[in-house]
Amino acid sequence: MAREITTHFHHIHHNGDRQRGFTLLELVFTVVIIGIVAAMAAPSFSGLIESNKIKRLATEIEWLLVQAKSEAVMSGENVEVQVVVDGAGTPIWSITLNTISGATSSTTVDVVTLAEVSSDNFSNIELDKTFTSSKLVFDKLNGKPNLAGGYQFNIPTKDKVKVTVNTMTGRIYSCGVDGVVYGYKKCYSK
């Protein structure tokens, strides 16, 4: 019995020397298969990255508007949210949150920027506003906005998402403009 085990290990030891590592052909096939799988997965990853970028922007705009609403009530000053969109067809834009204090006829207005969301962090996303003015003001007494509307944004040729502000309730929410998109429900229509 012991002799059979010794012979078996001797056989493995001598045959193992001839089969170390992989052949060049095996390595080439493995690299080609990994390349094919990666090429098939790449479009899925780019779609996932775009989806996450849109969701992150919706969250940041929502929080900017919630912060404006809270800051207006807490500071006792009107808070202004202003959007600047480059009209040249390029997706360059910024939304800033400013407090406005000292707004009387005899004194100068002191504007302090509290927060900003801009296209610097969201490349290739187009933004448009549905407000009638570029300035949205949150009232210092009740935190309600002076205008109804929202900010619409999308990756070119993709579905639009909108962060909506309601003047009656002061509610701020995100929705899909043309239907359910990126996990957001369809926007209410009037």
Protein backbone atom coordinates (compact mmCIF):
# COMPACT_ATOMS: atom_id res chain seq x y z
CA MET A 1 0.00 0.00 0.00
CA ALA A 2 2.75 2.44 0.92
CA ARG A 3 4.61 1.60 -2.26
CA GLU A 4 1.55 2.46 -4.41
CA ILE A 5 1.21 5.89 -2.77
CA THR A 6 4.91 6.61 -3.24
CA THR A 7 4.68 5.57 -6.91
CA HIS A 8 1.60 7.77 -7.37
CA PHE A 9 3.36 10.84 -5.92
CA HIS A 10 6.46 10.08 -7.99
CA HIS A 11 4.28 9.98 -11.13
CA ILE A 12 2.62 13.33 -10.25
CA HIS A 13 5.96 14.94 -9.49
CA HIS A 14 7.56 13.93 -12.80
CA ASN A 15 4.49 14.69 -14.93
CA GLY A 16 3.90 18.04 -13.16
CA ASP A 17 7.22 19.41 -14.45
CA ARG A 18 6.04 19.20 -18.03
CA GLN A 19 2.74 21.15 -17.49
CA ARG A 20 3.59 24.36 -15.66
CA GLY A 21 1.70 27.56 -16.54
CA PHE A 22 -0.36 28.30 -19.63
CA THR A 23 0.51 28.13 -23.28
CA LEU A 24 0.62 31.31 -25.33
CA LEU A 25 -2.43 30.17 -27.30
CA GLU A 26 -4.45 29.71 -24.08
CA LEU A 27 -3.52 33.19 -22.90
CA VAL A 28 -4.47 34.77 -26.25
CA PHE A 29 -7.88 33.07 -26.21
CA THR A 30 -8.51 34.21 -22.63
CA VAL A 31 -7.61 37.84 -23.41
CA VAL A 32 -9.82 37.82 -26.54
CA ILE A 33 -12.80 36.43 -24.60
CA ILE A 34 -12.35 39.01 -21.81
CA GLY A 35 -12.17 41.76 -24.47
CA ILE A 36 -15.40 40.59 -26.12
CA VAL A 37 -17.25 40.47 -22.77
CA ALA A 38 -15.97 43.95 -21.85
CA ALA A 39 -17.05 45.37 -25.23
CA MET A 40 -20.54 43.95 -24.75
CA ALA A 41 -20.80 45.42 -21.24
CA ALA A 42 -19.50 48.93 -22.11
CA PRO A 43 -22.84 50.35 -23.40
CA SER A 44 -24.55 49.17 -20.23
CA PHE A 45 -21.96 50.95 -18.10
CA SER A 46 -22.28 54.22 -20.02
CA GLY A 47 -26.07 54.11 -19.62
CA LEU A 48 -25.68 53.47 -15.91
CA ILE A 49 -23.25 56.38 -15.57
CA GLU A 50 -25.64 58.72 -17.43
CA SER A 51 -28.57 57.59 -15.29
CA ASN A 52 -26.64 58.19 -12.08
CA LYS A 53 -25.53 61.61 -13.30
CA ILE A 54 -29.16 62.67 -13.95
CA LYS A 55 -30.30 61.33 -10.57
CA ARG A 56 -27.46 63.12 -8.78
CA LEU A 57 -28.31 66.41 -10.50
CA ALA A 58 -32.00 66.06 -9.58
CA THR A 59 -31.03 65.46 -5.96
CA GLU A 60 -28.64 68.42 -5.88
CA ILE A 61 -31.20 70.82 -7.38
CA GLU A 62 -33.88 69.57 -4.99
CA TRP A 63 -31.61 70.11 -2.00
CA LEU A 64 -30.58 73.54 -3.25
CA LEU A 65 -34.26 74.55 -3.41
CA VAL A 66 -35.02 73.00 -0.01
CA GLN A 67 -32.04 74.85 1.43
CA ALA A 68 -33.34 78.11 -0.10
CA LYS A 69 -36.75 77.53 1.45
CA SER A 70 -35.29 76.76 4.87
CA GLU A 71 -32.79 79.61 4.75
CA ALA A 72 -35.53 82.14 3.94
CA VAL A 73 -37.56 81.20 7.02
CA MET A 74 -34.57 80.75 9.36
CA SER A 75 -32.72 83.95 8.42
CA GLY A 76 -35.81 86.14 8.03
CA GLU A 77 -34.51 87.32 4.64
CA ASN A 78 -35.80 86.59 1.16
CA VAL A 79 -33.69 84.00 -0.59
CA GLU A 80 -33.18 84.06 -4.33
CA VAL A 81 -32.37 81.16 -6.61
CA GLN A 82 -31.05 82.30 -9.96
CA VAL A 83 -30.30 80.28 -13.06
CA VAL A 84 -27.94 81.42 -15.78
CA VAL A 85 -28.03 79.43 -19.02
CA ASP A 86 -25.67 80.10 -21.90
CA GLY A 87 -27.97 80.63 -24.90
CA ALA A 88 -25.37 79.58 -27.47
CA GLY A 89 -26.57 75.97 -27.60
CA THR A 90 -23.82 74.66 -25.33
CA PRO A 91 -24.73 73.03 -22.04
CA ILE A 92 -23.16 75.71 -19.79
CA TRP A 93 -25.35 76.72 -16.87
CA SER A 94 -25.37 77.45 -13.15
CA ILE A 95 -27.99 77.72 -10.43
CA THR A 96 -27.00 79.88 -7.45
CA LEU A 97 -28.62 80.32 -4.05
CA ASN A 98 -28.28 83.88 -2.70
CA THR A 99 -29.55 85.60 0.42
CA ILE A 100 -30.73 89.16 -0.07
CA SER A 101 -30.50 91.42 2.96
CA GLY A 102 -30.86 95.15 3.46
CA ALA A 103 -33.34 95.50 0.63
CA THR A 104 -34.78 98.93 1.41
CA SER A 105 -34.97 102.00 -0.75
CA SER A 106 -32.29 103.86 1.25
CA THR A 107 -29.69 101.09 1.62
CA THR A 108 -27.74 98.90 -0.72
CA VAL A 109 -28.58 95.25 -1.20
CA ASP A 110 -26.14 92.72 0.24
CA VAL A 111 -26.09 89.47 -1.78
CA VAL A 112 -24.37 86.42 -0.30
CA THR A 113 -24.03 83.24 -2.37
CA LEU A 114 -24.75 80.19 -0.20
CA ALA A 115 -24.65 77.33 -2.71
CA GLU A 116 -24.30 76.60 -6.41
CA VAL A 117 -24.94 73.74 -8.80
CA SER A 118 -23.29 74.12 -12.19
CA SER A 119 -22.49 72.34 -15.42
CA ASP A 120 -18.85 72.08 -14.31
CA ASN A 121 -19.84 68.97 -12.35
CA PHE A 122 -22.44 67.74 -14.85
CA SER A 123 -20.86 67.79 -18.30
CA ASN A 124 -23.07 67.18 -21.33
CA ILE A 125 -26.33 67.87 -19.46
CA GLU A 126 -28.63 70.52 -20.91
CA LEU A 127 -30.69 72.59 -18.47
CA ASP A 128 -33.73 74.76 -19.09
CA LYS A 129 -36.14 76.54 -16.76
CA THR A 130 -39.91 76.63 -16.98
CA PHE A 131 -40.22 79.67 -14.72
CA THR A 132 -41.28 83.00 -16.27
CA SER A 133 -38.23 84.70 -14.74
CA SER A 134 -34.61 83.69 -14.19
CA LYS A 135 -34.97 84.54 -10.47
CA LEU A 136 -37.01 82.44 -8.07
CA VAL A 137 -37.52 84.11 -4.66
CA PHE A 138 -38.49 82.24 -1.50
CA ASP A 139 -40.50 84.36 0.94
CA LYS A 140 -38.96 85.05 4.34
CA LEU A 141 -42.28 84.57 6.19
CA ASN A 142 -43.53 81.23 4.91
CA GLY A 143 -40.75 79.94 2.65
CA LYS A 144 -43.03 79.70 -0.38
CA PRO A 145 -41.68 80.54 -3.84
CA ASN A 146 -42.96 83.49 -5.86
CA LEU A 147 -43.17 81.49 -9.12
CA ALA A 148 -44.41 78.06 -10.16
CA GLY A 149 -42.32 76.04 -12.55
CA GLY A 150 -39.16 74.02 -12.48
CA TYR A 151 -35.79 73.16 -13.90
CA GLN A 152 -35.76 70.62 -16.75
CA PHE A 153 -32.57 68.81 -17.65
CA ASN A 154 -31.46 65.95 -19.82
CA ILE A 155 -28.57 64.38 -21.62
CA PRO A 156 -29.01 65.36 -25.30
CA THR A 157 -31.52 63.10 -27.10
CA LYS A 158 -32.50 61.39 -23.83
CA ASP A 159 -35.52 61.63 -21.53
CA LYS A 160 -36.06 64.84 -19.55
CA VAL A 161 -36.29 65.08 -15.78
CA LYS A 162 -37.81 68.10 -14.06
CA VAL A 163 -37.41 69.44 -10.52
CA THR A 164 -40.74 71.18 -9.88
CA VAL A 165 -41.67 73.91 -7.42
CA ASN A 166 -45.32 74.45 -6.44
CA THR A 167 -46.32 77.96 -5.29
CA MET A 168 -49.45 76.87 -3.44
CA THR A 169 -47.92 74.14 -1.29
CA GLY A 170 -44.22 74.98 -1.54
CA ARG A 171 -43.61 71.34 -2.47
CA ILE A 172 -40.39 70.52 -4.33
CA TYR A 173 -40.15 67.21 -6.21
CA SER A 174 -38.56 65.52 -9.23
CA CYS A 175 -40.50 63.87 -12.04
CA GLY A 176 -40.16 62.60 -15.61
CA VAL A 177 -41.39 65.10 -18.23
CA ASP A 178 -42.58 62.55 -20.81
CA GLY A 179 -43.37 59.68 -18.45
CA VAL A 180 -41.72 57.42 -15.92
CA VAL A 181 -37.96 57.82 -16.34
CA TYR A 182 -34.90 57.07 -14.17
CA GLY A 183 -37.24 55.89 -11.42
CA TYR A 184 -39.20 59.18 -11.27
CA LYS A 185 -42.96 59.28 -11.77
CA LYS A 186 -44.52 61.23 -14.63
CA CYS A 187 -44.93 64.97 -13.95
CA TYR A 188 -48.42 66.23 -13.14
CA SER A 189 -50.04 68.11 -15.99
CA LYS A 190 -52.39 71.01 -15.47
